[in-house]
N, C-alpha and C. Protein backbone atom coordinates (compact mmCIF):
# COMPACT_ATOMS: atom_id res chain seq x y z
N UNK A 1 29.33 83.80 138.76
CA UNK A 1 30.51 83.29 138.11
C UNK A 1 31.03 84.34 137.12
N UNK A 2 32.25 84.73 137.28
CA UNK A 2 32.88 85.68 136.38
C UNK A 2 34.02 84.99 135.65
N UNK A 3 34.11 85.25 134.36
CA UNK A 3 35.22 84.74 133.56
C UNK A 3 36.14 85.92 133.29
N UNK A 4 37.42 85.70 133.48
CA UNK A 4 38.43 86.73 133.24
C UNK A 4 39.25 86.33 132.02
N UNK A 5 39.16 87.11 130.96
CA UNK A 5 39.94 86.86 129.75
C UNK A 5 41.09 87.84 129.73
N UNK A 6 42.28 87.31 129.51
CA UNK A 6 43.47 88.17 129.46
C UNK A 6 44.47 87.61 128.46
N UNK A 7 45.35 88.51 128.01
CA UNK A 7 46.44 88.08 127.14
C UNK A 7 47.35 87.16 127.92
N UNK A 8 47.82 86.15 127.26
CA UNK A 8 48.75 85.21 127.87
C UNK A 8 50.09 85.89 128.09
N UNK A 9 50.74 85.58 129.19
CA UNK A 9 52.05 86.14 129.47
C UNK A 9 53.08 85.02 129.54
N UNK A 10 54.34 85.40 129.39
CA UNK A 10 55.43 84.42 129.49
C UNK A 10 55.32 83.66 130.80
N UNK A 11 55.57 82.37 130.74
CA UNK A 11 55.48 81.53 131.91
C UNK A 11 54.21 80.69 131.94
N UNK A 12 53.23 81.04 131.09
CA UNK A 12 51.96 80.32 131.08
C UNK A 12 51.82 79.44 129.83
N UNK A 13 52.92 79.20 129.14
CA UNK A 13 52.88 78.46 127.89
C UNK A 13 52.31 77.05 128.06
N UNK A 14 52.77 76.32 129.07
CA UNK A 14 52.31 74.94 129.26
C UNK A 14 50.82 74.91 129.58
N UNK A 15 50.34 75.88 130.33
CA UNK A 15 48.91 75.94 130.66
C UNK A 15 48.10 76.18 129.38
N UNK A 16 48.57 77.08 128.53
CA UNK A 16 47.89 77.36 127.26
C UNK A 16 47.80 76.08 126.42
N UNK A 17 48.90 75.35 126.31
CA UNK A 17 48.93 74.12 125.52
C UNK A 17 47.97 73.09 126.11
N UNK A 18 47.86 73.04 127.43
CA UNK A 18 46.89 72.13 128.06
C UNK A 18 45.48 72.45 127.57
N UNK A 19 45.18 73.72 127.43
CA UNK A 19 43.88 74.12 126.91
C UNK A 19 43.68 73.70 125.47
N UNK A 20 44.73 73.79 124.66
CA UNK A 20 44.61 73.37 123.27
C UNK A 20 44.27 71.88 123.16
N UNK A 21 44.76 71.11 124.11
CA UNK A 21 44.54 69.66 124.06
C UNK A 21 43.06 69.29 124.23
N UNK A 22 42.22 70.21 124.69
CA UNK A 22 40.78 69.95 124.73
C UNK A 22 40.23 69.73 123.32
N UNK A 23 40.91 70.30 122.33
CA UNK A 23 40.46 70.16 120.94
C UNK A 23 40.63 68.73 120.42
N UNK A 24 41.38 67.90 121.12
CA UNK A 24 41.65 66.54 120.66
C UNK A 24 40.53 65.57 121.00
N UNK A 25 39.66 65.95 121.92
CA UNK A 25 38.54 65.08 122.29
C UNK A 25 37.54 65.02 121.13
N UNK A 26 36.80 63.94 120.99
CA UNK A 26 35.80 63.86 119.91
C UNK A 26 34.86 65.06 119.95
N UNK A 27 34.54 65.63 118.81
CA UNK A 27 34.77 65.09 117.48
C UNK A 27 36.15 65.42 116.90
N UNK A 28 37.03 66.03 117.66
CA UNK A 28 38.37 66.33 117.20
C UNK A 28 39.26 65.11 117.27
N UNK A 29 40.53 65.31 117.00
CA UNK A 29 41.50 64.22 117.10
C UNK A 29 42.88 64.84 117.30
N UNK A 30 43.77 64.05 117.87
CA UNK A 30 45.15 64.48 118.11
C UNK A 30 45.89 64.48 116.77
N UNK A 31 46.55 65.57 116.41
CA UNK A 31 47.34 65.56 115.17
C UNK A 31 48.39 64.45 115.22
N UNK A 32 48.63 63.84 114.09
CA UNK A 32 49.55 62.71 114.01
C UNK A 32 50.91 63.06 114.58
N UNK A 33 51.41 64.23 114.29
CA UNK A 33 52.76 64.60 114.72
C UNK A 33 52.76 65.49 115.96
N UNK A 34 51.71 65.42 116.80
CA UNK A 34 51.61 66.27 117.99
C UNK A 34 52.77 65.99 118.93
N UNK A 35 53.43 67.05 119.34
CA UNK A 35 54.51 66.96 120.32
C UNK A 35 54.28 68.09 121.32
N UNK A 36 53.87 67.74 122.51
CA UNK A 36 53.50 68.73 123.52
C UNK A 36 54.66 69.68 123.83
N UNK A 37 55.86 69.15 123.99
CA UNK A 37 57.01 70.00 124.29
C UNK A 37 57.27 71.01 123.17
N UNK A 38 57.15 70.54 121.93
CA UNK A 38 57.34 71.46 120.80
C UNK A 38 56.24 72.52 120.79
N UNK A 39 55.01 72.14 121.16
CA UNK A 39 53.91 73.11 121.22
C UNK A 39 54.18 74.17 122.29
N UNK A 40 54.73 73.77 123.42
CA UNK A 40 55.07 74.74 124.48
C UNK A 40 56.16 75.69 123.96
N UNK A 41 57.15 75.16 123.27
CA UNK A 41 58.22 76.00 122.70
C UNK A 41 57.65 76.98 121.67
N UNK A 42 56.76 76.52 120.82
CA UNK A 42 56.15 77.39 119.82
C UNK A 42 55.33 78.49 120.50
N UNK A 43 54.63 78.13 121.55
CA UNK A 43 53.84 79.12 122.28
C UNK A 43 54.75 80.22 122.82
N UNK A 44 55.89 79.84 123.38
CA UNK A 44 56.85 80.84 123.89
C UNK A 44 57.34 81.73 122.75
N UNK A 45 57.59 81.15 121.59
CA UNK A 45 58.02 81.95 120.44
C UNK A 45 56.94 82.94 120.03
N UNK A 46 55.71 82.49 120.00
CA UNK A 46 54.60 83.36 119.59
C UNK A 46 54.43 84.55 120.52
N UNK A 47 54.71 84.34 121.80
CA UNK A 47 54.55 85.43 122.76
C UNK A 47 55.53 86.58 122.52
N UNK A 48 56.54 86.37 121.69
CA UNK A 48 57.50 87.43 121.39
C UNK A 48 57.12 88.22 120.15
N UNK A 49 56.07 87.82 119.45
CA UNK A 49 55.68 88.44 118.18
C UNK A 49 54.59 89.48 118.38
N UNK A 50 54.65 90.53 117.57
CA UNK A 50 53.65 91.60 117.65
C UNK A 50 52.37 91.30 116.89
N UNK A 51 52.43 90.37 115.94
CA UNK A 51 51.26 90.12 115.10
C UNK A 51 50.46 88.90 115.54
N UNK A 52 50.65 88.50 116.81
CA UNK A 52 49.94 87.36 117.38
C UNK A 52 49.44 87.75 118.77
N UNK A 53 48.24 87.27 119.10
CA UNK A 53 47.75 87.43 120.48
C UNK A 53 47.20 86.09 120.94
N UNK A 54 47.63 85.68 122.11
CA UNK A 54 47.13 84.47 122.75
C UNK A 54 46.34 84.89 123.98
N UNK A 55 45.17 84.31 124.14
CA UNK A 55 44.30 84.66 125.25
C UNK A 55 44.00 83.43 126.09
N UNK A 56 43.81 83.67 127.38
CA UNK A 56 43.35 82.63 128.29
C UNK A 56 42.14 83.15 129.04
N UNK A 57 41.22 82.23 129.32
CA UNK A 57 40.04 82.56 130.13
C UNK A 57 40.18 81.79 131.44
N UNK A 58 40.03 82.53 132.53
CA UNK A 58 40.19 81.94 133.86
C UNK A 58 38.91 82.15 134.67
N UNK A 59 38.61 81.16 135.51
CA UNK A 59 37.47 81.27 136.42
C UNK A 59 37.87 82.13 137.61
N UNK A 60 36.91 82.42 138.46
CA UNK A 60 37.20 83.17 139.70
C UNK A 60 38.23 82.45 140.56
N UNK A 61 38.28 81.11 140.43
CA UNK A 61 39.23 80.30 141.22
C UNK A 61 40.56 80.13 140.48
N UNK A 62 40.78 80.91 139.41
CA UNK A 62 42.02 80.88 138.62
C UNK A 62 42.20 79.58 137.85
N UNK A 63 41.10 78.88 137.56
CA UNK A 63 41.15 77.66 136.75
C UNK A 63 41.11 78.06 135.28
N UNK A 64 41.97 77.46 134.48
CA UNK A 64 41.93 77.69 133.04
C UNK A 64 40.65 77.06 132.49
N UNK A 65 39.84 77.87 131.81
CA UNK A 65 38.58 77.36 131.27
C UNK A 65 38.48 77.57 129.76
N UNK A 66 39.45 78.27 129.16
CA UNK A 66 39.43 78.46 127.72
C UNK A 66 40.68 79.14 127.21
N UNK A 67 40.97 78.93 125.93
CA UNK A 67 42.12 79.57 125.28
C UNK A 67 41.74 79.96 123.86
N UNK A 68 42.43 80.95 123.34
CA UNK A 68 42.24 81.37 121.94
C UNK A 68 43.53 81.97 121.42
N UNK A 69 43.75 81.81 120.12
CA UNK A 69 44.89 82.46 119.47
C UNK A 69 44.39 83.16 118.22
N UNK A 70 44.95 84.32 117.97
CA UNK A 70 44.58 85.09 116.77
C UNK A 70 45.86 85.68 116.17
N UNK A 71 45.94 85.64 114.85
CA UNK A 71 47.12 86.05 114.11
C UNK A 71 46.73 87.06 113.05
N UNK A 72 47.50 88.14 112.93
CA UNK A 72 47.33 88.99 111.75
C UNK A 72 47.85 88.18 110.58
N UNK A 73 47.12 88.23 109.50
CA UNK A 73 47.39 87.32 108.39
C UNK A 73 47.72 88.14 107.15
N UNK A 74 47.18 87.77 106.05
CA UNK A 74 47.50 88.40 104.78
C UNK A 74 46.84 89.77 104.63
N UNK A 75 47.40 90.55 103.72
CA UNK A 75 46.77 91.78 103.25
C UNK A 75 46.21 91.43 101.87
N UNK A 76 44.91 91.28 101.79
CA UNK A 76 44.25 90.84 100.57
C UNK A 76 43.89 92.04 99.70
N UNK A 77 44.11 91.91 98.41
CA UNK A 77 43.73 92.96 97.47
C UNK A 77 42.21 93.16 97.52
N UNK A 78 41.46 92.08 97.60
CA UNK A 78 40.00 92.17 97.57
C UNK A 78 39.38 92.59 98.89
N UNK A 79 39.94 92.11 100.02
CA UNK A 79 39.25 92.26 101.29
C UNK A 79 39.98 93.10 102.33
N UNK A 80 41.24 93.41 102.12
CA UNK A 80 42.00 94.17 103.11
C UNK A 80 42.76 93.25 104.06
N UNK A 81 43.10 93.76 105.23
CA UNK A 81 43.88 93.01 106.23
C UNK A 81 43.01 91.94 106.87
N UNK A 82 43.53 90.73 106.91
CA UNK A 82 42.81 89.61 107.50
C UNK A 82 43.49 89.19 108.80
N UNK A 83 42.68 88.78 109.74
CA UNK A 83 43.18 88.13 110.95
C UNK A 83 42.57 86.74 111.01
N UNK A 84 43.32 85.80 111.52
CA UNK A 84 42.87 84.42 111.58
C UNK A 84 42.84 83.94 113.03
N UNK A 85 41.68 83.47 113.45
CA UNK A 85 41.59 82.81 114.75
C UNK A 85 41.96 81.36 114.50
N UNK A 86 43.09 80.96 115.01
CA UNK A 86 43.60 79.62 114.77
C UNK A 86 43.05 78.62 115.78
N UNK A 87 42.97 79.02 117.01
CA UNK A 87 42.53 78.12 118.07
C UNK A 87 41.48 78.81 118.93
N UNK A 88 40.46 78.07 119.28
CA UNK A 88 39.45 78.52 120.24
C UNK A 88 38.96 77.26 120.94
N UNK A 89 39.36 77.10 122.18
CA UNK A 89 39.03 75.88 122.92
C UNK A 89 38.50 76.25 124.29
N UNK A 90 37.44 75.56 124.69
CA UNK A 90 36.82 75.78 126.00
C UNK A 90 36.77 74.43 126.72
N UNK A 91 37.11 74.45 128.00
CA UNK A 91 37.05 73.23 128.81
C UNK A 91 35.64 72.64 128.68
N UNK A 92 35.53 71.31 128.49
CA UNK A 92 34.21 70.70 128.29
C UNK A 92 33.19 71.04 129.39
N UNK A 93 33.63 71.16 130.62
CA UNK A 93 32.71 71.47 131.71
C UNK A 93 32.26 72.93 131.72
N UNK A 94 32.89 73.76 130.92
CA UNK A 94 32.59 75.19 130.92
C UNK A 94 31.92 75.65 129.63
N UNK A 95 31.60 74.74 128.74
CA UNK A 95 30.94 75.13 127.50
C UNK A 95 29.51 75.60 127.78
N UNK A 96 29.05 76.50 126.94
CA UNK A 96 27.70 77.10 127.04
C UNK A 96 27.55 77.97 128.28
N UNK A 97 28.65 78.54 128.75
CA UNK A 97 28.61 79.47 129.88
C UNK A 97 29.17 80.86 129.52
N UNK A 98 29.40 81.10 128.24
CA UNK A 98 29.88 82.40 127.81
C UNK A 98 31.39 82.50 127.65
N UNK A 99 32.11 81.44 127.95
CA UNK A 99 33.58 81.48 127.85
C UNK A 99 34.01 81.67 126.40
N UNK A 100 33.44 80.87 125.50
CA UNK A 100 33.80 80.98 124.09
C UNK A 100 33.46 82.36 123.53
N UNK A 101 32.30 82.89 123.91
CA UNK A 101 31.89 84.21 123.44
C UNK A 101 32.87 85.28 123.92
N UNK A 102 33.30 85.17 125.18
CA UNK A 102 34.25 86.16 125.72
C UNK A 102 35.61 86.06 125.02
N UNK A 103 36.07 84.84 124.77
CA UNK A 103 37.35 84.66 124.06
C UNK A 103 37.25 85.16 122.63
N UNK A 104 36.16 84.84 121.96
CA UNK A 104 35.96 85.29 120.59
C UNK A 104 35.91 86.81 120.53
N UNK A 105 35.23 87.43 121.47
CA UNK A 105 35.15 88.89 121.50
C UNK A 105 36.54 89.50 121.72
N UNK A 106 37.33 88.92 122.60
CA UNK A 106 38.68 89.43 122.86
C UNK A 106 39.55 89.30 121.61
N UNK A 107 39.48 88.15 120.94
CA UNK A 107 40.28 87.94 119.73
C UNK A 107 39.86 88.90 118.62
N UNK A 108 38.56 89.07 118.44
CA UNK A 108 38.08 89.98 117.40
C UNK A 108 38.43 91.43 117.71
N UNK A 109 38.33 91.82 118.97
CA UNK A 109 38.68 93.20 119.36
C UNK A 109 40.16 93.45 119.10
N UNK A 110 41.01 92.51 119.49
CA UNK A 110 42.45 92.67 119.26
C UNK A 110 42.72 92.81 117.77
N UNK A 111 42.10 91.95 116.95
CA UNK A 111 42.31 92.01 115.50
C UNK A 111 41.89 93.37 114.95
N UNK A 112 40.76 93.87 115.40
CA UNK A 112 40.28 95.18 114.95
C UNK A 112 41.27 96.28 115.35
N UNK A 113 41.76 96.21 116.59
CA UNK A 113 42.74 97.21 117.07
C UNK A 113 44.02 97.18 116.25
N UNK A 114 44.34 96.02 115.67
CA UNK A 114 45.55 95.88 114.86
C UNK A 114 45.32 96.26 113.40
N UNK A 115 44.11 96.66 113.07
CA UNK A 115 43.80 97.10 111.71
C UNK A 115 43.19 96.04 110.81
N UNK A 116 42.77 94.91 111.36
CA UNK A 116 42.16 93.88 110.52
C UNK A 116 40.79 94.33 110.04
N UNK A 117 40.52 94.08 108.77
CA UNK A 117 39.23 94.40 108.18
C UNK A 117 38.22 93.27 108.37
N UNK A 118 38.73 92.06 108.50
CA UNK A 118 37.84 90.94 108.77
C UNK A 118 38.60 89.83 109.48
N UNK A 119 37.85 88.95 110.12
CA UNK A 119 38.43 87.84 110.88
C UNK A 119 37.96 86.54 110.24
N UNK A 120 38.87 85.64 110.11
CA UNK A 120 38.65 84.36 109.47
C UNK A 120 38.85 83.25 110.49
N UNK A 121 38.06 82.20 110.42
CA UNK A 121 38.20 81.07 111.33
C UNK A 121 37.86 79.80 110.57
N UNK A 122 38.72 78.79 110.67
CA UNK A 122 38.42 77.47 110.11
C UNK A 122 37.96 76.58 111.24
N UNK A 123 37.05 75.67 110.92
CA UNK A 123 36.57 74.72 111.92
C UNK A 123 36.34 73.38 111.23
N UNK A 124 36.76 72.31 111.87
CA UNK A 124 36.61 70.98 111.30
C UNK A 124 35.16 70.66 110.98
N UNK A 125 34.94 69.90 109.94
CA UNK A 125 33.59 69.58 109.49
C UNK A 125 32.73 68.91 110.56
N UNK A 126 33.35 68.12 111.42
CA UNK A 126 32.59 67.37 112.43
C UNK A 126 32.17 68.24 113.62
N UNK A 127 32.67 69.45 113.73
CA UNK A 127 32.40 70.30 114.90
C UNK A 127 31.10 71.08 114.74
N UNK A 128 30.02 70.37 114.59
CA UNK A 128 28.73 71.02 114.32
C UNK A 128 28.27 71.91 115.48
N UNK A 129 28.56 71.53 116.71
CA UNK A 129 28.21 72.39 117.86
C UNK A 129 28.96 73.72 117.78
N UNK A 130 30.25 73.66 117.45
CA UNK A 130 31.04 74.88 117.31
C UNK A 130 30.49 75.74 116.17
N UNK A 131 30.09 75.10 115.08
CA UNK A 131 29.56 75.87 113.95
C UNK A 131 28.30 76.63 114.34
N UNK A 132 27.43 75.99 115.10
CA UNK A 132 26.22 76.68 115.58
C UNK A 132 26.60 77.88 116.45
N UNK A 133 27.61 77.69 117.29
CA UNK A 133 28.09 78.78 118.15
C UNK A 133 28.59 79.95 117.30
N UNK A 134 29.43 79.67 116.30
CA UNK A 134 29.98 80.75 115.47
C UNK A 134 28.86 81.51 114.76
N UNK A 135 27.88 80.79 114.26
CA UNK A 135 26.76 81.45 113.58
C UNK A 135 25.96 82.30 114.56
N UNK A 136 25.75 81.81 115.78
CA UNK A 136 25.06 82.62 116.80
C UNK A 136 25.85 83.88 117.12
N UNK A 137 27.17 83.80 117.00
CA UNK A 137 28.02 84.95 117.30
C UNK A 137 28.18 85.90 116.11
N UNK A 138 27.41 85.68 115.07
CA UNK A 138 27.37 86.62 113.95
C UNK A 138 28.24 86.27 112.76
N UNK A 139 28.91 85.13 112.78
CA UNK A 139 29.73 84.73 111.64
C UNK A 139 28.84 84.32 110.48
N UNK A 140 29.38 84.39 109.29
CA UNK A 140 28.72 83.85 108.11
C UNK A 140 29.52 82.65 107.63
N UNK A 141 28.83 81.66 107.13
CA UNK A 141 29.49 80.49 106.57
C UNK A 141 29.85 80.86 105.14
N UNK A 142 31.08 81.37 104.95
CA UNK A 142 31.42 82.05 103.72
C UNK A 142 32.23 81.24 102.72
N UNK A 143 32.85 80.15 103.15
CA UNK A 143 33.74 79.44 102.23
C UNK A 143 33.98 78.02 102.72
N UNK A 144 34.48 77.21 101.82
CA UNK A 144 35.01 75.90 102.20
C UNK A 144 36.53 76.03 102.22
N UNK A 145 37.17 75.37 103.14
CA UNK A 145 38.63 75.46 103.24
C UNK A 145 39.25 74.17 102.74
N UNK A 146 40.36 74.29 102.05
CA UNK A 146 41.11 73.15 101.56
C UNK A 146 42.53 73.28 102.06
N UNK A 147 43.18 72.15 102.30
CA UNK A 147 44.47 72.22 102.98
C UNK A 147 45.42 71.18 102.40
N UNK A 148 46.66 71.56 102.28
CA UNK A 148 47.75 70.67 101.94
C UNK A 148 48.69 70.67 103.12
N UNK A 149 49.03 69.51 103.65
CA UNK A 149 49.83 69.46 104.86
C UNK A 149 51.32 69.31 104.61
N UNK A 150 51.71 69.05 103.38
CA UNK A 150 53.15 69.01 103.09
C UNK A 150 53.35 69.50 101.66
N UNK A 151 54.53 70.01 101.40
CA UNK A 151 54.87 70.52 100.08
C UNK A 151 55.71 69.46 99.37
N UNK A 152 55.29 69.10 98.18
CA UNK A 152 56.03 68.08 97.40
C UNK A 152 56.25 68.56 96.01
């Protein structure tokens, strides 16, 4: 079994979004304001930007088995250029087969090629299996993340 990881190209936006929807299964959840059509439109917009890379992992049979997105982020005074892996999703039937590791490696390599000094990833508290995976892949549990979803 070979997994092929490649940059997403125009025309594959809906397929990429289908992969993101794997994140909604427990222990995840569907965002309250999720709109699939808007997500497909946003994906198309992202494909036009130089500071974003979207990846898809395909099986030998051309089945989508994983997706990842990585963004060049802030230039930090303390740490340098940061890249953020926003999404990393693997089809439930393909987990623990190296798909996530291949996607993570592709995202990290792209970030490094773009001049990132470090890569940042947030993961929901309930995703304990994912956390074990990230630690196995050499990540450090370096911070707690806090979020505000609207500006008031």
